[in-house]
Amino acid sequence: PPSVMHATLGMNLEDIPQDIFDGVREVMDKRMESFLPDMDAAGTWSVRFQLDETMAPRALRITRIENDVVIRYCRKCEAFRGLGVVLGRRGDFEGDIRLTESCSFDTVGVMIDVSRNGVVTVETLKHLLLCFALMGINVCMLYTEDTYQVPEERFFGYLRGGYTAKELAELD
């Protein structure tokens, strides 16, 4: 079966639930190197995700037995938080692991001020969104003031480097 492997972490693409497939693929294909700690000594881990709607709301469970890791989740944000925990603490895990987390809030978010000086590039925002997802953050708002373009208003955001409607839609 098709799979994706980076460093010492592997996933069978057929095992990734459809609701998180694109996001997991993005992490594994494009940005993986910036999230991997030194993992040479631990061997290859096989990571699987299981959507489990019977779990408590806002909870995730990570189980590792030998080199098999299962991330059980109820919402997408918990699946990505679980992947972030596995990536971030990979070198810390010794032996079998059973880890459960529960978030106290339905939404955990950040607001980025892009209204001052030059605006953050779309590519940088995409990278930040990926990092936020791996932390379990499920809301990101941009404080823009006049750093977006209004076609009927030539001088709205003049010389501010504003986002186009297409760029904002791409980030949505």
C-alpha atoms as a PDB file:
ATOM      1  CA  PRO A   1       0.000   0.000   0.000  1.00  0.00           C
ATOM      2  CA  PRO A   2       1.138   3.583  -0.584  1.00  0.00           C
ATOM      3  CA  SER A   3       2.869   5.157   2.343  1.00  0.00           C
ATOM      4  CA  VAL A   4       4.826   8.232   3.242  1.00  0.00           C
ATOM      5  CA  MET A   5       7.999   8.039   5.343  1.00  0.00           C
ATOM      6  CA  HIS A   6      10.143  10.826   6.685  1.00  0.00           C
ATOM      7  CA  ALA A   7      13.134  10.275   8.897  1.00  0.00           C
ATOM      8  CA  THR A   8      11.853   7.512  11.191  1.00  0.00           C
ATOM      9  CA  LEU A   9       8.122   8.187  11.083  1.00  0.00           C
ATOM     10  CA  GLY A  10       5.825   6.335   8.688  1.00  0.00           C
ATOM     11  CA  MET A  11       2.127   6.382   7.782  1.00  0.00           C
ATOM     12  CA  ASN A  12       0.109   4.215   5.461  1.00  0.00           C
ATOM     13  CA  LEU A  13      -1.892   6.689   3.380  1.00  0.00           C
ATOM     14  CA  GLU A  14      -4.826   4.286   3.232  1.00  0.00           C
ATOM     15  CA  ASP A  15      -5.078   4.404   7.042  1.00  0.00           C
ATOM     16  CA  ILE A  16      -5.409   8.197   7.277  1.00  0.00           C
ATOM     17  CA  PRO A  17      -9.078   9.181   7.749  1.00  0.00           C
ATOM     18  CA  GLN A  18     -10.470  11.347   4.963  1.00  0.00           C
ATOM     19  CA  ASP A  19     -11.330  14.251   7.278  1.00  0.00           C
ATOM     20  CA  ILE A  20      -7.641  14.860   8.071  1.00  0.00           C
ATOM     21  CA  PHE A  21      -5.953  13.372   4.998  1.00  0.00           C
ATOM     22  CA  ASP A  22      -5.035  16.629   3.238  1.00  0.00           C
ATOM     23  CA  GLY A  23      -3.651  18.248   6.378  1.00  0.00           C
ATOM     24  CA  VAL A  24      -1.586  15.231   7.412  1.00  0.00           C
ATOM     25  CA  ARG A  25      -0.259  14.955   3.872  1.00  0.00           C
ATOM     26  CA  GLU A  26       0.726  18.647   4.010  1.00  0.00           C
ATOM     27  CA  VAL A  27       2.655  18.105   7.256  1.00  0.00           C
ATOM     28  CA  MET A  28       4.386  15.003   5.948  1.00  0.00           C
ATOM     29  CA  ASP A  29       5.126  16.199   2.408  1.00  0.00           C
ATOM     30  CA  LYS A  30       6.055  19.832   2.698  1.00  0.00           C
ATOM     31  CA  ARG A  31       6.987  20.860   6.183  1.00  0.00           C
ATOM     32  CA  MET A  32       8.127  17.765   8.020  1.00  0.00           C
ATOM     33  CA  GLU A  33      11.787  18.658   8.402  1.00  0.00           C
ATOM     34  CA  SER A  34      11.100  21.670  10.613  1.00  0.00           C
ATOM     35  CA  PHE A  35       9.134  19.586  13.147  1.00  0.00           C
ATOM     36  CA  LEU A  36      11.402  16.575  13.535  1.00  0.00           C
ATOM     37  CA  PRO A  37      13.675  16.355  16.544  1.00  0.00           C
ATOM     38  CA  ASP A  38      16.696  14.052  16.476  1.00  0.00           C
ATOM     39  CA  MET A  39      15.193  10.594  16.174  1.00  0.00           C
ATOM     40  CA  ASP A  40      18.031   8.352  15.054  1.00  0.00           C
ATOM     41  CA  ALA A  41      18.050   6.033  18.057  1.00  0.00           C
ATOM     42  CA  ALA A  42      14.364   5.184  18.395  1.00  0.00           C
ATOM     43  CA  GLY A  43      13.739   3.161  15.232  1.00  0.00           C
ATOM     44  CA  THR A  44      10.832   3.576  12.822  1.00  0.00           C
ATOM     45  CA  TRP A  45       7.427   4.404  14.224  1.00  0.00           C
ATOM     46  CA  SER A  46       4.236   3.569  12.349  1.00  0.00           C
ATOM     47  CA  VAL A  47       1.537   6.189  13.024  1.00  0.00           C
ATOM     48  CA  ARG A  48      -2.188   5.575  12.580  1.00  0.00           C
ATOM     49  CA  PHE A  49      -5.181   7.798  13.274  1.00  0.00           C
ATOM     50  CA  GLN A  50      -8.567   6.625  14.538  1.00  0.00           C
ATOM     51  CA  LEU A  51     -11.631   8.837  14.521  1.00  0.00           C
ATOM     52  CA  ASP A  52     -13.492   7.904  17.711  1.00  0.00           C
ATOM     53  CA  GLU A  53     -16.733   9.807  18.228  1.00  0.00           C
ATOM     54  CA  THR A  54     -17.337   7.969  21.509  1.00  0.00           C
ATOM     55  CA  MET A  55     -14.447   9.794  23.189  1.00  0.00           C
ATOM     56  CA  ALA A  56     -15.096  12.667  25.559  1.00  0.00           C
ATOM     57  CA  PRO A  57     -15.408  16.008  23.764  1.00  0.00           C
ATOM     58  CA  ARG A  58     -12.089  17.798  23.164  1.00  0.00           C
ATOM     59  CA  ALA A  59     -10.020  14.717  24.081  1.00  0.00           C
ATOM     60  CA  LEU A  60      -7.268  12.795  22.363  1.00  0.00           C
ATOM     61  CA  ARG A  61      -5.485   9.596  23.234  1.00  0.00           C
ATOM     62  CA  ILE A  62      -2.035   8.561  22.051  1.00  0.00           C
ATOM     63  CA  THR A  63      -0.974   4.959  22.484  1.00  0.00           C
ATOM     64  CA  ARG A  64       2.403   3.565  21.554  1.00  0.00           C
ATOM     65  CA  ILE A  65       3.141  -0.125  21.856  1.00  0.00           C
ATOM     66  CA  GLU A  66       6.607  -0.943  20.591  1.00  0.00           C
ATOM     67  CA  ASN A  67       6.832   1.006  17.317  1.00  0.00           C
ATOM     68  CA  ASP A  68       3.106   1.311  16.595  1.00  0.00           C
ATOM     69  CA  VAL A  69       1.517   4.666  17.479  1.00  0.00           C
ATOM     70  CA  VAL A  70      -2.256   5.194  17.419  1.00  0.00           C
ATOM     71  CA  ILE A  71      -3.748   8.679  17.741  1.00  0.00           C
ATOM     72  CA  ARG A  72      -7.452   8.510  18.676  1.00  0.00           C
ATOM     73  CA  TYR A  73      -9.408  11.725  18.293  1.00  0.00           C
ATOM     74  CA  CYS A  74     -12.924  13.144  18.088  1.00  0.00           C
ATOM     75  CA  ARG A  75     -12.240  16.420  16.230  1.00  0.00           C
ATOM     76  CA  LYS A  76      -9.665  17.303  13.579  1.00  0.00           C
ATOM     77  CA  CYS A  77      -7.845  19.707  15.880  1.00  0.00           C
ATOM     78  CA  GLU A  78      -7.184  16.867  18.344  1.00  0.00           C
ATOM     79  CA  ALA A  79      -5.798  14.660  15.563  1.00  0.00           C
ATOM     80  CA  PHE A  80      -3.301  17.348  14.604  1.00  0.00           C
ATOM     81  CA  ARG A  81      -2.489  18.080  18.251  1.00  0.00           C
ATOM     82  CA  GLY A  82      -1.761  14.369  18.662  1.00  0.00           C
ATOM     83  CA  LEU A  83       0.544  14.417  15.651  1.00  0.00           C
ATOM     84  CA  GLY A  84       2.248  17.499  17.094  1.00  0.00           C
ATOM     85  CA  VAL A  85       2.783  15.709  20.415  1.00  0.00           C
ATOM     86  CA  VAL A  86       4.269  12.691  18.641  1.00  0.00           C
ATOM     87  CA  LEU A  87       6.562  14.882  16.537  1.00  0.00           C
ATOM     88  CA  GLY A  88       7.564  17.179  19.375  1.00  0.00           C
ATOM     89  CA  ARG A  89       8.133  14.557  22.058  1.00  0.00           C
ATOM     90  CA  ARG A  90       9.405  11.779  19.816  1.00  0.00           C
ATOM     91  CA  GLY A  91      12.801  11.623  21.494  1.00  0.00           C
ATOM     92  CA  ASP A  92      11.252  11.684  25.000  1.00  0.00           C
ATOM     93  CA  PHE A  93       9.133   8.565  24.634  1.00  0.00           C
ATOM     94  CA  GLU A  94      10.613   5.494  26.307  1.00  0.00           C
ATOM     95  CA  GLY A  95       8.853   2.136  26.226  1.00  0.00           C
ATOM     96  CA  ASP A  96       5.103   1.848  25.774  1.00  0.00           C
ATOM     97  CA  ILE A  97       3.079   5.071  26.013  1.00  0.00           C
ATOM     98  CA  ARG A  98      -0.507   5.799  26.976  1.00  0.00           C
ATOM     99  CA  LEU A  99      -1.177   9.517  26.960  1.00  0.00           C
ATOM    100  CA  THR A 100      -4.562  11.231  27.201  1.00  0.00           C
ATOM    101  CA  GLU A 101      -5.202  14.959  26.846  1.00  0.00           C
ATOM    102  CA  SER A 102      -8.392  16.907  27.228  1.00  0.00           C
ATOM    103  CA  CYS A 103      -8.790  20.565  26.291  1.00  0.00           C
ATOM    104  CA  SER A 104     -10.955  22.759  28.504  1.00  0.00           C
ATOM    105  CA  PHE A 105     -12.221  24.904  25.626  1.00  0.00           C
ATOM    106  CA  ASP A 106     -14.054  24.282  22.358  1.00  0.00           C
ATOM    107  CA  THR A 107     -11.919  26.861  20.594  1.00  0.00           C
ATOM    108  CA  VAL A 108      -8.279  27.704  21.193  1.00  0.00           C
ATOM    109  CA  GLY A 109      -7.068  30.505  19.002  1.00  0.00           C
ATOM    110  CA  VAL A 110      -4.677  33.260  18.145  1.00  0.00           C
ATOM    111  CA  MET A 111      -5.020  36.641  16.501  1.00  0.00           C
ATOM    112  CA  ILE A 112      -2.158  37.854  14.351  1.00  0.00           C
ATOM    113  CA  ASP A 113      -1.763  41.604  13.871  1.00  0.00           C
ATOM    114  CA  VAL A 114      -0.993  42.113  10.174  1.00  0.00           C
ATOM    115  CA  SER A 115      -2.032  45.779  10.186  1.00  0.00           C
ATOM    116  CA  ARG A 116       1.324  47.373  10.940  1.00  0.00           C
ATOM    117  CA  ASN A 117       4.282  47.900   8.630  1.00  0.00           C
ATOM    118  CA  GLY A 118       4.634  45.257   5.906  1.00  0.00           C
ATOM    119  CA  VAL A 119       2.090  42.450   6.058  1.00  0.00           C
ATOM    120  CA  VAL A 120       3.132  38.856   6.691  1.00  0.00           C
ATOM    121  CA  THR A 121       3.393  36.866   3.461  1.00  0.00           C
ATOM    122  CA  VAL A 122       0.771  34.264   2.621  1.00  0.00           C
ATOM    123  CA  GLU A 123       3.475  31.584   2.627  1.00  0.00           C
ATOM    124  CA  THR A 124       4.541  32.550   6.157  1.00  0.00           C
ATOM    125  CA  LEU A 125       0.923  32.521   7.330  1.00  0.00           C
ATOM    126  CA  LYS A 126       0.462  29.028   5.866  1.00  0.00           C
ATOM    127  CA  HIS A 127       3.510  27.837   7.785  1.00  0.00           C
ATOM    128  CA  LEU A 128       2.145  29.410  10.985  1.00  0.00           C
ATOM    129  CA  LEU A 129      -1.248  27.756  10.431  1.00  0.00           C
ATOM    130  CA  LEU A 130       0.486  24.408  10.129  1.00  0.00           C
ATOM    131  CA  CYS A 131       2.408  25.027  13.363  1.00  0.00           C
ATOM    132  CA  PHE A 132      -0.792  26.148  15.098  1.00  0.00           C
ATOM    133  CA  ALA A 133      -2.615  22.990  13.980  1.00  0.00           C
ATOM    134  CA  LEU A 134       0.148  20.829  15.461  1.00  0.00           C
ATOM    135  CA  MET A 135      -0.354  22.687  18.760  1.00  0.00           C
ATOM    136  CA  GLY A 136      -4.111  22.004  18.733  1.00  0.00           C
ATOM    137  CA  ILE A 137      -5.035  25.594  17.902  1.00  0.00           C
ATOM    138  CA  ASN A 138      -8.274  25.568  15.919  1.00  0.00           C
ATOM    139  CA  VAL A 139      -8.959  29.286  15.348  1.00  0.00           C
ATOM    140  CA  CYS A 140      -6.721  31.890  13.731  1.00  0.00           C
ATOM    141  CA  MET A 141      -7.854  35.441  13.086  1.00  0.00           C
ATOM    142  CA  LEU A 142      -6.037  38.163  11.183  1.00  0.00           C
ATOM    143  CA  TYR A 143      -6.283  41.714  12.486  1.00  0.00           C
ATOM    144  CA  THR A 144      -6.052  43.580   9.195  1.00  0.00           C
ATOM    145  CA  GLU A 145      -7.303  47.181   9.500  1.00  0.00           C
ATOM    146  CA  ASP A 146      -6.664  48.313   5.904  1.00  0.00           C
ATOM    147  CA  THR A 147      -4.147  45.671   4.797  1.00  0.00           C
ATOM    148  CA  TYR A 148      -6.433  44.139   2.195  1.00  0.00           C
ATOM    149  CA  GLN A 149      -7.450  45.394  -1.194  1.00  0.00           C
ATOM    150  CA  VAL A 150     -10.840  46.814  -2.134  1.00  0.00           C
ATOM    151  CA  PRO A 151     -11.069  47.008  -5.945  1.00  0.00           C
ATOM    152  CA  GLU A 152     -13.412  50.030  -5.926  1.00  0.00           C
ATOM    153  CA  GLU A 153     -11.154  51.965  -3.537  1.00  0.00           C
ATOM    154  CA  ARG A 154      -7.727  52.510  -5.124  1.00  0.00           C
ATOM    155  CA  PHE A 155      -6.204  54.158  -2.078  1.00  0.00           C
ATOM    156  CA  PHE A 156      -7.618  51.812   0.582  1.00  0.00           C
ATOM    157  CA  GLY A 157      -4.487  50.331   2.146  1.00  0.00           C
ATOM    158  CA  TYR A 158      -2.292  52.395  -0.156  1.00  0.00           C
ATOM    159  CA  LEU A 159       1.382  51.393   0.156  1.00  0.00           C
ATOM    160  CA  ARG A 160       0.550  48.896   2.927  1.00  0.00           C
ATOM    161  CA  GLY A 161       1.104  45.667   0.965  1.00  0.00           C
ATOM    162  CA  GLY A 162      -2.480  44.510   1.320  1.00  0.00           C
ATOM    163  CA  TYR A 163      -3.850  41.008   0.750  1.00  0.00           C
ATOM    164  CA  THR A 164      -5.946  40.295  -2.318  1.00  0.00           C
ATOM    165  CA  ALA A 165      -9.343  38.597  -2.024  1.00  0.00           C
ATOM    166  CA  LYS A 166      -7.773  35.515  -3.631  1.00  0.00           C
ATOM    167  CA  GLU A 167      -4.990  35.390  -1.008  1.00  0.00           C
ATOM    168  CA  LEU A 168      -7.465  35.714   1.861  1.00  0.00           C
ATOM    169  CA  ALA A 169      -9.617  32.958   0.354  1.00  0.00           C
ATOM    170  CA  GLU A 170      -6.508  30.768   0.058  1.00  0.00           C
ATOM    171  CA  LEU A 171      -5.865  31.189   3.785  1.00  0.00           C
ATOM    172  CA  ASP A 172      -9.472  30.453   4.767  1.00  0.00           C
END
